[in-house]
């Protein structure tokens, strides 16, 4: 490892499938060491993980970073949003965590919306209309289905909170991740007592919300980690807020993230409130807002279609009127938690490559449908769309987004933006800088720009009509969840 020009910091991304750690030079943004370890997610009706696997994966990832991690002056953790982590009096998990893509709480979501004044009231109160992804609905599901587990709960955390607390010994969260729970009021930036009372959750079980720029604590003991005792620990945040930090996103610039889930978001200085529920009015990690729309089915769903067809994921072919809605895990945008994949327009001359292209089109259509709602009315419609996530490296994804959006598309060369954003947050804690300004200094958004092409309005209209016409079928609860 060559000598660093500034202090070193650690940024962590604990995602659905794995935990990644980067050691970054605060002066230059250079990644001097990295590590990664997997964890497992249950299959079937639920999506659950053992939080202790996240900790083991963090330990492994940091060990892979070697001496660089031991030299770090600060650490921050970005994590998958919405997950419900329940802990007992000893700080051990009462049960596996319910993850963001566990949609068993759809009935509880519908009931909570009705009981607390309807969608408009929810949007005004929390900035969002809760879906089955939100933590509040998962707690309501747990209370109804596993009351014995609920009685054993002495602390409720989000995934990034759990790891931060194991580092510091203190229960904390941040406004960005708290805004995805459904029990955080965006108007007052505090926990909402009426919502908590409705779901029977004692606010004393929740973590303290640290302010932007405030440390969550320091590393308590070694825990066998290659981190020095007393190392500063930043507040951390949810994965999308961390990625926004990692890009140094300025207000009005659209971002599309292509991963297991797909998201579109933008930084805004206006508190969002969308009564349709399409846009979640999340907070960012700095003090602004992060209106965001999320789909459950993105790269994993399209890859599954490719595997079923026996094709490489890039083996797409143009020229078809077939429509494929890849709602393999239900869907969040549009809000169809009980839906499944749907194929319409199949003909004798339809090729496997055309079916695969239709899967890409269906996935991107869901995201672009929310983009105008995410962006402020005065946002520049010609601004390049920043394309990030694992899918952003794929030519088929790039060309589909380009064709269906009609925008120029910029692909940042920096990878692991959630971990980089966490590292920028840790660096800001050391230097007193705005973390987004740190990331801009690191030039993390730099990358090639694909010119705009004419927007494929015909494909967008065809997919929208299939979604609309199929609504009764897609909304039907088949009794399998």
Protein backbone atom coordinates (compact mmCIF):
# COMPACT_ATOMS: atom_id res chain seq x y z
CA UNK A 1 0.00 0.00 0.00
CA UNK A 2 1.46 3.34 -1.05
CA UNK A 3 1.44 6.19 1.43
CA UNK A 4 -1.88 8.02 1.76
CA UNK A 5 -2.01 11.79 1.42
CA UNK A 6 -4.63 12.23 4.14
CA UNK A 7 -6.25 10.31 6.98
CA UNK A 8 -7.89 7.01 6.06
CA UNK A 9 -11.59 6.28 6.56
CA UNK A 10 -13.71 3.16 6.17
CA UNK A 11 -17.00 3.12 4.27
CA UNK A 12 -19.26 0.08 4.51
CA UNK A 13 -22.17 -1.10 2.37
CA UNK A 14 -24.25 -3.81 4.01
CA UNK A 15 -26.67 -4.76 1.25
CA UNK A 16 -29.17 -7.53 0.68
CA UNK A 17 -26.64 -10.11 -0.51
CA UNK A 18 -23.27 -9.04 0.91
CA UNK A 19 -21.25 -6.59 2.98
CA UNK A 20 -18.47 -4.56 1.35
CA UNK A 21 -15.84 -2.38 3.02
CA UNK A 22 -13.60 0.25 1.43
CA UNK A 23 -10.65 2.03 3.01
CA UNK A 24 -10.39 5.45 1.39
CA UNK A 25 -7.82 8.25 1.47
CA UNK A 26 -9.73 11.38 2.56
CA UNK A 27 -7.42 13.67 0.59
CA UNK A 28 -7.84 12.02 -2.82
CA UNK A 29 -10.73 9.56 -2.63
CA UNK A 30 -8.40 6.76 -3.63
CA UNK A 31 -9.51 3.32 -2.47
CA UNK A 32 -6.46 1.83 -0.78
CA UNK A 33 -8.03 -1.46 0.35
CA UNK A 34 -11.31 -3.33 0.04
CA UNK A 35 -13.08 -6.45 1.24
CA UNK A 36 -16.36 -8.26 0.72
CA UNK A 37 -18.25 -11.20 2.23
CA UNK A 38 -21.67 -12.68 1.44
CA UNK A 39 -24.72 -13.35 3.56
CA UNK A 40 -27.84 -15.35 2.82
CA UNK A 41 -31.49 -14.45 2.31
CA UNK A 42 -34.34 -16.91 2.81
CA UNK A 43 -36.47 -17.98 -0.13
CA UNK A 44 -40.21 -18.61 -0.24
CA UNK A 45 -42.95 -16.26 0.91
CA UNK A 46 -40.68 -14.22 3.19
CA UNK A 47 -37.31 -12.55 2.72
CA UNK A 48 -35.30 -12.79 5.93
CA UNK A 49 -31.66 -12.70 7.04
CA UNK A 50 -29.86 -13.34 10.31
CA UNK A 51 -28.29 -10.00 11.36
CA UNK A 52 -25.39 -11.89 12.94
CA UNK A 53 -24.35 -12.84 9.40
CA UNK A 54 -24.04 -9.14 8.60
CA UNK A 55 -21.67 -8.72 11.52
CA UNK A 56 -19.62 -11.76 10.52
CA UNK A 57 -19.47 -10.46 6.96
CA UNK A 58 -18.32 -7.04 8.21
CA UNK A 59 -15.56 -8.67 10.23
CA UNK A 60 -14.43 -10.70 7.21
CA UNK A 61 -14.55 -7.72 4.86
CA UNK A 62 -12.51 -5.57 7.25
CA UNK A 63 -9.99 -8.37 7.79
CA UNK A 64 -9.49 -8.46 4.02
CA UNK A 65 -8.61 -4.75 4.18
CA UNK A 66 -5.62 -5.58 6.40
CA UNK A 67 -3.44 -2.90 7.94
CA UNK A 68 -5.25 -0.10 6.12
CA UNK A 69 -8.36 -0.68 8.24
CA UNK A 70 -6.28 -0.50 11.43
CA UNK A 71 -5.04 2.95 10.39
CA UNK A 72 -8.54 4.34 9.74
CA UNK A 73 -9.56 7.38 11.78
CA UNK A 74 -13.33 7.09 11.16
CA UNK A 75 -15.89 4.60 9.88
CA UNK A 76 -19.45 4.84 8.59
CA UNK A 77 -22.02 2.22 7.57
CA UNK A 78 -24.55 2.47 4.77
CA UNK A 79 -27.19 -0.25 4.76
CA UNK A 80 -30.24 -1.69 3.05
CA UNK A 81 -33.32 0.30 4.02
CA UNK A 82 -36.53 -0.71 5.78
CA UNK A 83 -35.35 -4.00 7.32
CA UNK A 84 -36.87 -4.80 10.72
CA UNK A 85 -34.22 -5.93 13.22
CA UNK A 86 -35.59 -7.03 16.60
CA UNK A 87 -33.21 -7.48 19.54
CA UNK A 88 -33.61 -8.95 23.01
CA UNK A 89 -32.25 -7.62 26.30
CA UNK A 90 -28.78 -9.01 25.52
CA UNK A 91 -28.72 -7.31 22.11
CA UNK A 92 -29.16 -10.59 20.24
CA UNK A 93 -31.69 -10.99 17.41
CA UNK A 94 -35.07 -12.25 18.58
CA UNK A 95 -35.67 -13.65 15.09
CA UNK A 96 -34.24 -13.14 11.59
CA UNK A 97 -34.63 -9.64 10.19
CA UNK A 98 -37.55 -8.97 7.86
CA UNK A 99 -35.97 -7.40 4.77
CA UNK A 100 -37.21 -4.61 2.51
CA UNK A 101 -38.37 -7.06 -0.17
CA UNK A 102 -40.50 -9.15 2.20
CA UNK A 103 -44.03 -8.23 1.08
CA UNK A 104 -46.05 -10.34 3.54
CA UNK A 105 -47.17 -7.17 5.31
CA UNK A 106 -49.21 -5.86 2.36
CA UNK A 107 -52.53 -6.35 4.26
CA UNK A 108 -51.13 -4.46 7.25
CA UNK A 109 -50.01 -1.64 4.94
CA UNK A 110 -53.50 -1.27 3.50
CA UNK A 111 -55.08 -1.30 6.95
CA UNK A 112 -52.66 1.26 8.40
CA UNK A 113 -53.31 3.65 5.54
CA UNK A 114 -57.05 3.44 6.22
CA UNK A 115 -56.76 3.67 10.02
CA UNK A 116 -54.53 6.74 10.03
CA UNK A 117 -56.45 9.04 7.72
CA UNK A 118 -55.75 7.73 4.23
CA UNK A 119 -52.91 8.16 1.74
CA UNK A 120 -52.93 11.98 1.71
CA UNK A 121 -52.65 12.16 5.51
CA UNK A 122 -49.77 9.67 5.51
CA UNK A 123 -47.93 11.63 2.81
CA UNK A 124 -48.34 14.87 4.74
CA UNK A 125 -47.28 13.28 8.03
CA UNK A 126 -44.35 11.06 7.01
CA UNK A 127 -43.64 12.15 3.44
CA UNK A 128 -44.61 8.69 2.18
CA UNK A 129 -47.55 6.33 1.86
CA UNK A 130 -46.40 3.04 3.41
CA UNK A 131 -46.17 -0.07 1.27
CA UNK A 132 -45.25 -3.59 2.31
CA UNK A 133 -41.58 -2.57 2.11
CA UNK A 134 -41.81 -0.12 5.01
CA UNK A 135 -40.66 -1.07 8.49
CA UNK A 136 -43.90 0.01 10.19
CA UNK A 137 -45.92 -2.52 8.20
CA UNK A 138 -43.43 -5.27 9.04
CA UNK A 139 -43.76 -4.52 12.75
CA UNK A 140 -47.55 -4.66 12.42
CA UNK A 141 -47.25 -8.02 10.62
CA UNK A 142 -44.93 -9.35 13.34
CA UNK A 143 -47.28 -8.23 16.12
CA UNK A 144 -50.17 -10.08 14.49
CA UNK A 145 -48.33 -13.24 13.49
CA UNK A 146 -45.61 -13.69 16.13
CA UNK A 147 -46.80 -12.02 19.35
CA UNK A 148 -44.39 -14.08 21.47
CA UNK A 149 -41.46 -12.67 19.49
CA UNK A 150 -42.76 -9.13 19.96
CA UNK A 151 -42.98 -9.62 23.74
CA UNK A 152 -39.27 -10.55 23.77
CA UNK A 153 -38.21 -7.42 21.85
CA UNK A 154 -36.23 -4.84 23.83
CA UNK A 155 -34.85 -2.84 20.90
CA UNK A 156 -35.91 -2.21 17.28
CA UNK A 157 -33.27 -1.31 14.73
CA UNK A 158 -32.66 -0.94 11.00
CA UNK A 159 -29.84 -2.95 9.37
CA UNK A 160 -27.27 -0.15 9.43
CA UNK A 161 -28.28 0.72 13.02
CA UNK A 162 -27.55 -2.85 14.12
CA UNK A 163 -23.97 -2.79 12.87
CA UNK A 164 -23.33 0.75 14.12
CA UNK A 165 -24.57 -0.24 17.57
CA UNK A 166 -22.31 -3.28 17.68
CA UNK A 167 -19.39 -0.96 16.97
CA UNK A 168 -20.29 1.76 19.48
CA UNK A 169 -22.53 0.12 22.08
CA UNK A 170 -25.08 2.91 21.53
CA UNK A 171 -28.43 2.68 19.73
CA UNK A 172 -28.47 5.33 17.00
CA UNK A 173 -29.84 5.96 13.55
CA UNK A 174 -29.96 8.90 11.13
CA UNK A 175 -32.73 10.92 9.48
CA UNK A 176 -32.14 9.33 6.07
CA UNK A 177 -32.74 5.75 7.19
CA UNK A 178 -35.37 6.71 9.79
CA UNK A 179 -37.43 8.34 7.03
CA UNK A 180 -38.02 4.91 5.48
CA UNK A 181 -39.62 3.40 8.55
CA UNK A 182 -43.09 4.94 8.34
CA UNK A 183 -42.93 6.02 12.00
CA UNK A 184 -40.73 9.10 11.43
CA UNK A 185 -42.61 12.35 10.79
CA UNK A 186 -40.90 14.38 8.08
CA UNK A 187 -42.51 17.66 9.18
CA UNK A 188 -41.13 17.53 12.72
CA UNK A 189 -38.16 15.24 11.96
CA UNK A 190 -38.99 13.08 14.96
CA UNK A 191 -40.71 9.80 15.75
CA UNK A 192 -44.47 10.01 15.32
CA UNK A 193 -46.21 9.05 18.55
CA UNK A 194 -49.63 8.45 16.99
CA UNK A 195 -48.24 6.00 14.43
CA UNK A 196 -46.20 4.17 17.07
CA UNK A 197 -49.23 3.93 19.34
CA UNK A 198 -51.33 2.53 16.51
CA UNK A 199 -48.89 -0.35 15.93
CA UNK A 200 -48.11 -0.84 19.63
CA UNK A 201 -44.43 0.08 19.42
CA UNK A 202 -42.89 1.75 22.49
CA UNK A 203 -40.67 4.67 21.32
CA UNK A 204 -38.21 3.73 24.05
CA UNK A 205 -37.29 0.71 21.89
CA UNK A 206 -36.13 2.94 19.03
CA UNK A 207 -32.62 4.35 18.46
CA UNK A 208 -31.62 7.96 19.00
CA UNK A 209 -31.52 9.96 15.76
CA UNK A 210 -28.14 11.62 15.28
CA UNK A 211 -27.96 14.88 13.34
CA UNK A 212 -26.01 15.26 10.08
CA UNK A 213 -22.36 15.72 10.94
CA UNK A 214 -22.81 14.34 14.46
CA UNK A 215 -20.87 11.19 15.44
CA UNK A 216 -22.77 8.11 16.55
CA UNK A 217 -19.95 7.30 18.95
CA UNK A 218 -16.58 5.60 18.86
CA UNK A 219 -15.48 2.01 18.41
CA UNK A 220 -15.95 0.27 21.75
CA UNK A 221 -13.32 -2.41 22.29
CA UNK A 222 -11.84 -4.33 19.41
CA UNK A 223 -14.55 -7.01 18.93
CA UNK A 224 -11.83 -8.83 17.03
CA UNK A 225 -12.06 -6.15 14.33
CA UNK A 226 -9.06 -4.48 12.70
CA UNK A 227 -10.33 -1.11 13.93
CA UNK A 228 -8.62 0.82 16.71
CA UNK A 229 -10.61 1.38 19.89
CA UNK A 230 -11.81 4.99 19.95
CA UNK A 231 -12.13 5.24 16.14
CA UNK A 232 -14.88 7.74 15.28
CA UNK A 233 -18.13 6.21 14.02
CA UNK A 234 -20.37 8.39 11.85
CA UNK A 235 -24.15 8.16 11.96
CA UNK A 236 -24.34 6.08 8.78
CA UNK A 237 -27.47 6.06 6.64
CA UNK A 238 -29.64 4.05 4.26
CA UNK A 239 -28.17 2.75 1.04
CA UNK A 240 -29.83 5.22 -1.33
CA UNK A 241 -28.91 8.22 0.80
CA UNK A 242 -25.35 6.87 1.01
CA UNK A 243 -25.16 6.48 -2.78
CA UNK A 244 -26.41 10.06 -3.19
CA UNK A 245 -23.58 11.17 -0.92
CA UNK A 246 -21.16 8.98 -2.86
CA UNK A 247 -22.07 10.77 -6.08
CA UNK A 248 -22.11 14.22 -4.52
CA UNK A 249 -25.51 14.72 -6.17
CA UNK A 250 -26.73 18.29 -6.51
CA UNK A 251 -30.46 19.15 -6.43
CA UNK A 252 -32.33 18.35 -9.64
CA UNK A 253 -29.94 15.74 -11.03
CA UNK A 254 -31.77 12.43 -11.63
CA UNK A 255 -30.22 9.14 -10.53
CA UNK A 256 -31.28 5.65 -11.56
CA UNK A 257 -29.83 2.73 -9.65
CA UNK A 258 -30.03 -0.75 -11.19
CA UNK A 259 -29.53 -3.49 -8.62
CA UNK A 260 -31.59 -6.27 -7.07
CA UNK A 261 -34.13 -3.48 -6.70
CA UNK A 262 -34.32 -0.47 -9.00
CA UNK A 263 -34.57 3.11 -7.79
CA UNK A 264 -34.89 6.59 -9.22
CA UNK A 265 -34.24 9.58 -6.99
CA UNK A 266 -32.98 13.14 -6.84
CA UNK A 267 -31.88 15.50 -4.09
CA UNK A 268 -34.44 18.22 -3.36
CA UNK A 269 -34.55 21.18 -1.01
CA UNK A 270 -38.35 20.84 -0.78
CA UNK A 271 -39.98 18.36 1.59
CA UNK A 272 -41.78 15.86 -0.68
CA UNK A 273 -45.33 14.60 -0.21
CA UNK A 274 -46.88 12.32 -2.86
CA UNK A 275 -50.36 11.06 -1.91
CA UNK A 276 -50.30 8.51 -4.77
CA UNK A 277 -47.60 6.62 -2.91
CA UNK A 278 -45.42 6.33 -6.03
CA UNK A 279 -42.71 8.56 -4.57
CA UNK A 280 -41.36 7.98 -1.08
CA UNK A 281 -40.52 11.29 0.58
CA UNK A 282 -37.26 10.21 2.15
CA UNK A 283 -34.79 12.50 3.87
CA UNK A 284 -31.18 12.51 2.76
CA UNK A 285 -28.17 12.24 5.06
CA UNK A 286 -27.25 15.95 4.88
CA UNK A 287 -30.39 17.90 5.77
CA UNK A 288 -32.11 17.99 2.38
CA UNK A 289 -34.60 15.50 0.93
CA UNK A 290 -34.39 12.48 -1.32
CA UNK A 291 -37.71 11.82 -3.11
CA UNK A 292 -37.39 8.28 -4.41
CA UNK A 293 -39.33 5.59 -6.24
CA UNK A 294 -38.34 1.96 -5.92
CA UNK A 295 -39.13 -1.24 -7.78
CA UNK A 296 -38.68 -4.72 -6.34
CA UNK A 297 -37.75 -6.31 -9.67
CA UNK A 298 -34.69 -5.11 -11.54
CA UNK A 299 -31.44 -6.89 -12.44
CA UNK A 300 -32.21 -10.12 -10.58
CA UNK A 301 -35.58 -10.46 -12.32
CA UNK A 302 -34.18 -9.77 -15.79
CA UNK A 303 -31.31 -12.19 -15.17
CA UNK A 304 -33.88 -14.81 -14.17
CA UNK A 305 -35.71 -14.31 -17.47
CA UNK A 306 -32.39 -14.66 -19.34
CA UNK A 307 -31.65 -17.89 -17.45
CA UNK A 308 -35.10 -19.31 -18.25
CA UNK A 309 -34.49 -18.57 -21.92
CA UNK A 310 -30.96 -19.99 -21.82
CA UNK A 311 -29.50 -16.66 -22.95
CA UNK A 312 -26.63 -14.44 -21.92
CA UNK A 313 -28.03 -11.30 -20.33
CA UNK A 314 -26.77 -9.20 -23.25
CA UNK A 315 -28.41 -11.36 -25.96
CA UNK A 316 -31.30 -8.97 -26.64
CA UNK A 317 -32.96 -8.50 -30.02
CA UNK A 318 -35.05 -5.51 -31.15
CA UNK A 319 -38.24 -5.38 -33.17
CA UNK A 320 -41.10 -6.83 -31.18
CA UNK A 321 -44.52 -5.91 -29.86
CA UNK A 322 -44.35 -8.40 -27.01
CA UNK A 323 -44.69 -7.03 -23.46
CA UNK A 324 -43.14 -8.70 -20.43
CA UNK A 325 -43.77 -7.35 -16.93
CA UNK A 326 -41.02 -8.92 -14.77
CA UNK A 327 -42.91 -8.64 -11.46
CA UNK A 328 -41.41 -11.86 -10.13
CA UNK A 329 -41.49 -10.85 -6.45
CA UNK A 330 -44.67 -8.81 -6.50
CA UNK A 331 -44.05 -5.13 -7.21
CA UNK A 332 -43.76 -1.88 -5.31
CA UNK A 333 -43.86 0.57 -8.24
CA UNK A 334 -46.56 0.13 -9.39
CA UNK A 335 -47.92 -0.99 -6.02
CA UNK A 336 -48.84 -4.60 -6.82
CA UNK A 337 -47.50 -6.69 -3.92
CA UNK A 338 -49.32 -9.89 -4.98
CA UNK A 339 -48.54 -9.72 -8.69
CA UNK A 340 -46.37 -12.11 -10.66
CA UNK A 341 -44.64 -11.86 -14.03
CA UNK A 342 -46.90 -11.34 -17.01
CA UNK A 343 -46.24 -11.98 -20.72
CA UNK A 344 -48.52 -10.50 -23.40
CA UNK A 345 -48.32 -10.42 -27.20
CA UNK A 346 -46.39 -13.65 -27.81
CA UNK A 347 -46.38 -14.69 -31.50
CA UNK A 348 -44.94 -17.58 -33.54
CA UNK A 349 -42.19 -15.32 -34.81
CA UNK A 350 -41.23 -13.89 -31.39
CA UNK A 351 -37.62 -14.76 -30.61
CA UNK A 352 -36.00 -15.47 -27.27
CA UNK A 353 -33.87 -12.34 -27.65
CA UNK A 354 -36.98 -10.23 -28.15
CA UNK A 355 -38.51 -11.70 -25.00
CA UNK A 356 -35.39 -10.75 -23.09
CA UNK A 357 -35.48 -7.20 -24.46
CA UNK A 358 -39.12 -7.01 -23.36
CA UNK A 359 -38.05 -7.91 -19.81
CA UNK A 360 -35.55 -5.03 -19.83
CA UNK A 361 -38.23 -2.70 -21.20
CA UNK A 362 -40.73 -3.74 -18.52
CA UNK A 363 -38.24 -3.18 -15.71
CA UNK A 364 -37.11 0.25 -16.95
CA UNK A 365 -40.68 1.37 -17.71
CA UNK A 366 -41.59 1.03 -14.03
CA UNK A 367 -38.70 3.28 -13.02
CA UNK A 368 -39.16 5.93 -15.68
CA UNK A 369 -42.86 6.14 -14.88
CA UNK A 370 -41.91 7.65 -11.53
CA UNK A 371 -39.07 9.91 -12.70
CA UNK A 372 -41.17 13.00 -13.41
CA UNK A 373 -42.74 12.71 -9.95
CA UNK A 374 -39.33 12.42 -8.31
CA UNK A 375 -37.91 15.53 -9.96
CA UNK A 376 -38.91 19.05 -8.95
CA UNK A 377 -40.89 20.94 -11.58
CA UNK A 378 -37.96 23.29 -12.24
CA UNK A 379 -35.41 20.49 -12.77
CA UNK A 380 -33.50 20.61 -16.07
CA UNK A 381 -35.14 18.02 -18.38
CA UNK A 382 -31.95 17.74 -20.43
CA UNK A 383 -29.66 16.96 -17.48
CA UNK A 384 -27.90 13.61 -17.89
CA UNK A 385 -29.42 10.71 -16.01
CA UNK A 386 -26.78 9.24 -13.70
CA UNK A 387 -26.92 5.45 -14.10
CA UNK A 388 -25.44 3.46 -11.22
CA UNK A 389 -25.61 0.01 -9.66
CA UNK A 390 -24.54 -3.35 -11.01
CA UNK A 391 -26.77 -3.10 -14.07
CA UNK A 392 -25.25 0.21 -15.13
CA UNK A 393 -22.25 -1.65 -16.57
CA UNK A 394 -24.43 -3.69 -18.92
CA UNK A 395 -24.85 -2.53 -22.51
CA UNK A 396 -28.43 -3.80 -22.70
CA UNK A 397 -29.39 -1.85 -19.57
CA UNK A 398 -27.62 1.30 -20.82
CA UNK A 399 -29.28 1.23 -24.23
CA UNK A 400 -32.73 0.43 -22.82
CA UNK A 401 -32.56 3.35 -20.36
CA UNK A 402 -31.26 5.63 -23.09
CA UNK A 403 -34.01 4.65 -25.56
CA UNK A 404 -36.91 4.80 -23.11
CA UNK A 405 -35.82 7.95 -21.24
CA UNK A 406 -34.82 10.13 -24.18
CA UNK A 407 -32.14 11.65 -21.94
CA UNK A 408 -28.35 11.62 -22.10
CA UNK A 409 -27.07 8.91 -19.77
CA UNK A 410 -23.91 9.26 -17.69
CA UNK A 411 -22.24 6.17 -16.23
CA UNK A 412 -19.94 7.08 -13.31
CA UNK A 413 -16.72 5.10 -13.35
CA UNK A 414 -16.61 4.88 -9.56
CA UNK A 415 -17.93 1.62 -8.18
CA UNK A 416 -19.39 0.74 -4.77
CA UNK A 417 -21.06 4.12 -4.41
CA UNK A 418 -22.89 3.21 -1.20
CA UNK A 419 -19.59 2.38 0.49
CA UNK A 420 -17.97 5.47 -1.05
CA UNK A 421 -20.83 7.60 0.28
CA UNK A 422 -20.35 6.13 3.74
CA UNK A 423 -16.64 6.89 3.41
CA UNK A 424 -17.44 10.49 2.42
CA UNK A 425 -19.66 10.77 5.49
CA UNK A 426 -16.82 9.49 7.69
CA UNK A 427 -14.40 11.91 5.99
CA UNK A 428 -16.79 14.81 6.57
CA UNK A 429 -16.91 13.90 10.24
CA UNK A 430 -13.11 14.25 10.39
CA UNK A 431 -12.71 17.41 8.29
CA UNK A 432 -15.96 19.25 8.99
CA UNK A 433 -16.82 19.28 5.27
CA UNK A 434 -20.18 18.58 3.68
CA UNK A 435 -19.92 14.87 2.73
CA UNK A 436 -21.41 15.57 -0.71
CA UNK A 437 -18.69 18.19 -1.26
CA UNK A 438 -16.12 15.59 -0.23
CA UNK A 439 -17.44 13.23 -2.91
CA UNK A 440 -17.39 16.00 -5.53
CA UNK A 441 -13.79 16.70 -4.57
CA UNK A 442 -13.13 13.01 -5.16
CA UNK A 443 -14.82 13.36 -8.60
CA UNK A 444 -16.85 10.21 -8.06
CA UNK A 445 -19.49 11.01 -10.70
CA UNK A 446 -16.97 11.26 -13.54
CA UNK A 447 -17.65 8.89 -16.40
CA UNK A 448 -18.72 8.60 -20.04
CA UNK A 449 -21.90 10.28 -21.25
CA UNK A 450 -24.11 8.58 -23.85
CA UNK A 451 -25.91 11.15 -26.02
CA UNK A 452 -29.68 11.38 -25.91
CA UNK A 453 -31.73 9.55 -28.54
CA UNK A 454 -35.37 9.97 -29.49
CA UNK A 455 -37.61 8.62 -26.77
CA UNK A 456 -39.43 5.41 -27.70
CA UNK A 457 -42.93 6.64 -26.93
CA UNK A 458 -44.60 3.72 -28.70
CA UNK A 459 -43.02 1.12 -26.39
CA UNK A 460 -43.77 3.18 -23.29
CA UNK A 461 -47.43 3.58 -24.31
CA UNK A 462 -47.78 -0.13 -25.13
CA UNK A 463 -46.39 -1.23 -21.75
CA UNK A 464 -48.54 1.30 -19.89
CA UNK A 465 -51.66 -0.02 -21.64
CA UNK A 466 -50.83 -3.63 -20.74
CA UNK A 467 -50.28 -2.65 -17.10
CA UNK A 468 -53.59 -0.79 -17.04
CA UNK A 469 -55.60 -3.46 -18.84
CA UNK A 470 -54.12 -6.23 -16.67
CA UNK A 471 -54.70 -4.43 -13.37
CA UNK A 472 -57.47 -6.76 -12.10
CA UNK A 473 -55.26 -9.79 -12.71
CA UNK A 474 -52.10 -8.20 -11.31
CA UNK A 475 -53.88 -6.98 -8.17
CA UNK A 476 -55.40 -10.35 -7.40
CA UNK A 477 -54.13 -12.10 -4.26
CA UNK A 478 -53.52 -15.61 -5.47
CA UNK A 479 -53.19 -16.91 -1.92
CA UNK A 480 -49.55 -17.89 -2.37
CA UNK A 481 -48.10 -15.17 -0.16
